[in-house]
Amino acid sequence: MIGFEVDKLIEALQLEERYVPAMLITIGKEDTSSQRPRGYRKPIGEFVKYV
């Protein structure tokens, strides 16, 4: 993950000065309780022409 504020991360994690965070990796599990069913998908033949 890019675009994080290094100083705030160091403060939040209480890191020693010798450690400098270079990258964040998110870890978690998908919440499937709020997923919507996938919408209609057109058949390829409606928009692709084979010559």
N, C-alpha and C. Protein backbone atom coordinates (compact mmCIF):
# COMPACT_ATOMS: atom_id res chain seq x y z
N MET A 1 0.86 -1.16 0.00
CA MET A 1 0.00 0.00 0.00
C MET A 1 0.91 1.22 0.00
N ILE A 2 0.61 2.16 -0.87
CA ILE A 2 1.39 3.39 -0.90
C ILE A 2 0.52 4.54 -0.42
N GLY A 3 1.14 5.66 -0.14
CA GLY A 3 0.40 6.85 0.23
C GLY A 3 0.07 6.94 1.71
N PHE A 4 0.84 6.31 2.56
CA PHE A 4 0.60 6.42 4.00
C PHE A 4 1.60 7.39 4.60
N GLU A 5 1.26 7.95 5.75
CA GLU A 5 2.13 8.91 6.41
C GLU A 5 3.06 8.17 7.37
N VAL A 6 4.33 8.12 7.01
CA VAL A 6 5.32 7.35 7.75
C VAL A 6 5.40 7.81 9.21
N ASP A 7 5.43 9.11 9.43
CA ASP A 7 5.56 9.64 10.79
C ASP A 7 4.41 9.19 11.69
N LYS A 8 3.20 9.24 11.16
CA LYS A 8 2.03 8.84 11.96
C LYS A 8 2.03 7.34 12.22
N LEU A 9 2.50 6.56 11.25
CA LEU A 9 2.58 5.12 11.44
C LEU A 9 3.61 4.77 12.51
N ILE A 10 4.75 5.42 12.46
CA ILE A 10 5.79 5.19 13.47
C ILE A 10 5.25 5.51 14.86
N GLU A 11 4.52 6.60 14.95
CA GLU A 11 3.94 7.00 16.23
C GLU A 11 2.88 6.00 16.71
N ALA A 12 2.01 5.58 15.80
CA ALA A 12 0.93 4.66 16.16
C ALA A 12 1.45 3.30 16.59
N LEU A 13 2.50 2.83 15.93
CA LEU A 13 3.06 1.51 16.26
C LEU A 13 4.19 1.58 17.29
N GLN A 14 4.53 2.79 17.69
CA GLN A 14 5.60 3.03 18.66
C GLN A 14 6.89 2.31 18.26
N LEU A 15 7.31 2.57 17.01
CA LEU A 15 8.51 1.94 16.48
C LEU A 15 9.76 2.67 16.96
N GLU A 16 10.84 1.94 17.08
CA GLU A 16 12.13 2.55 17.41
C GLU A 16 12.63 3.33 16.21
N GLU A 17 13.58 4.26 16.44
CA GLU A 17 14.08 5.11 15.37
C GLU A 17 14.79 4.33 14.27
N ARG A 18 15.32 3.16 14.60
CA ARG A 18 16.08 2.40 13.61
C ARG A 18 15.18 1.71 12.59
N TYR A 19 13.87 1.66 12.83
CA TYR A 19 12.94 1.04 11.90
C TYR A 19 12.23 2.12 11.07
N VAL A 20 12.22 1.93 9.75
CA VAL A 20 11.54 2.86 8.85
C VAL A 20 10.58 2.05 7.99
N PRO A 21 9.27 2.23 8.16
CA PRO A 21 8.31 1.49 7.34
C PRO A 21 8.41 1.92 5.87
N ALA A 22 8.49 0.94 4.98
CA ALA A 22 8.61 1.22 3.56
C ALA A 22 7.35 0.81 2.80
N MET A 23 6.57 -0.12 3.36
CA MET A 23 5.40 -0.63 2.65
C MET A 23 4.42 -1.19 3.67
N LEU A 24 3.13 -1.08 3.36
CA LEU A 24 2.09 -1.68 4.18
C LEU A 24 1.43 -2.79 3.38
N ILE A 25 1.11 -3.87 4.03
CA ILE A 25 0.38 -4.97 3.41
C ILE A 25 -0.88 -5.19 4.23
N THR A 26 -2.03 -5.13 3.58
CA THR A 26 -3.29 -5.32 4.29
C THR A 26 -3.55 -6.81 4.50
N ILE A 27 -4.08 -7.11 5.65
CA ILE A 27 -4.42 -8.48 6.00
C ILE A 27 -5.85 -8.47 6.53
N GLY A 28 -6.64 -9.39 6.07
CA GLY A 28 -8.02 -9.43 6.55
C GLY A 28 -8.82 -10.47 5.82
N LYS A 29 -10.09 -10.48 6.12
CA LYS A 29 -11.00 -11.44 5.52
C LYS A 29 -12.18 -10.67 4.94
N GLU A 30 -12.62 -11.06 3.75
CA GLU A 30 -13.70 -10.37 3.07
C GLU A 30 -15.02 -10.54 3.82
N ASP A 31 -15.77 -9.45 3.94
CA ASP A 31 -17.09 -9.49 4.55
C ASP A 31 -18.10 -9.84 3.47
N THR A 32 -18.55 -11.06 3.42
CA THR A 32 -19.45 -11.52 2.37
C THR A 32 -20.92 -11.27 2.70
N SER A 33 -21.22 -10.77 3.88
CA SER A 33 -22.62 -10.57 4.27
C SER A 33 -23.30 -9.44 3.49
N SER A 34 -22.54 -8.50 2.95
CA SER A 34 -23.15 -7.37 2.25
C SER A 34 -22.93 -7.42 0.74
N GLN A 35 -22.56 -8.57 0.21
CA GLN A 35 -22.35 -8.67 -1.23
C GLN A 35 -23.69 -8.74 -1.96
N ARG A 36 -23.74 -8.08 -3.12
CA ARG A 36 -24.92 -8.13 -3.97
C ARG A 36 -24.71 -9.19 -5.03
N PRO A 37 -25.78 -9.80 -5.50
CA PRO A 37 -25.61 -10.76 -6.60
C PRO A 37 -25.14 -10.05 -7.86
N ARG A 38 -24.33 -10.74 -8.64
CA ARG A 38 -23.79 -10.15 -9.86
C ARG A 38 -24.91 -9.90 -10.87
N GLY A 39 -24.81 -8.77 -11.56
CA GLY A 39 -25.84 -8.39 -12.52
C GLY A 39 -25.79 -9.20 -13.80
N TYR A 40 -26.68 -8.85 -14.69
CA TYR A 40 -26.80 -9.53 -15.98
C TYR A 40 -25.53 -9.34 -16.79
N ARG A 41 -25.07 -10.37 -17.44
CA ARG A 41 -23.91 -10.29 -18.31
C ARG A 41 -24.33 -10.66 -19.73
N LYS A 42 -24.09 -9.74 -20.68
CA LYS A 42 -24.48 -9.97 -22.07
C LYS A 42 -23.70 -11.14 -22.66
N PRO A 43 -24.36 -11.90 -23.53
CA PRO A 43 -23.64 -12.94 -24.26
C PRO A 43 -22.64 -12.29 -25.23
N ILE A 44 -21.50 -12.91 -25.42
CA ILE A 44 -20.45 -12.35 -26.28
C ILE A 44 -20.98 -12.08 -27.68
N GLY A 45 -21.85 -12.94 -28.18
CA GLY A 45 -22.38 -12.77 -29.52
C GLY A 45 -23.12 -11.47 -29.75
N GLU A 46 -23.56 -10.80 -28.69
CA GLU A 46 -24.27 -9.53 -28.85
C GLU A 46 -23.36 -8.36 -29.18
N PHE A 47 -22.09 -8.45 -28.86
CA PHE A 47 -21.21 -7.32 -29.11
C PHE A 47 -19.89 -7.68 -29.81
N VAL A 48 -19.67 -8.96 -30.12
CA VAL A 48 -18.48 -9.39 -30.84
C VAL A 48 -18.90 -10.04 -32.15
N LYS A 49 -18.24 -9.62 -33.23
CA LYS A 49 -18.55 -10.18 -34.53
C LYS A 49 -17.33 -10.94 -35.03
N TYR A 50 -17.51 -12.21 -35.32
CA TYR A 50 -16.43 -13.04 -35.85
C TYR A 50 -16.49 -13.02 -37.36
N VAL A 51 -15.39 -12.69 -38.00
CA VAL A 51 -15.35 -12.60 -39.46
C VAL A 51 -14.55 -13.75 -40.02
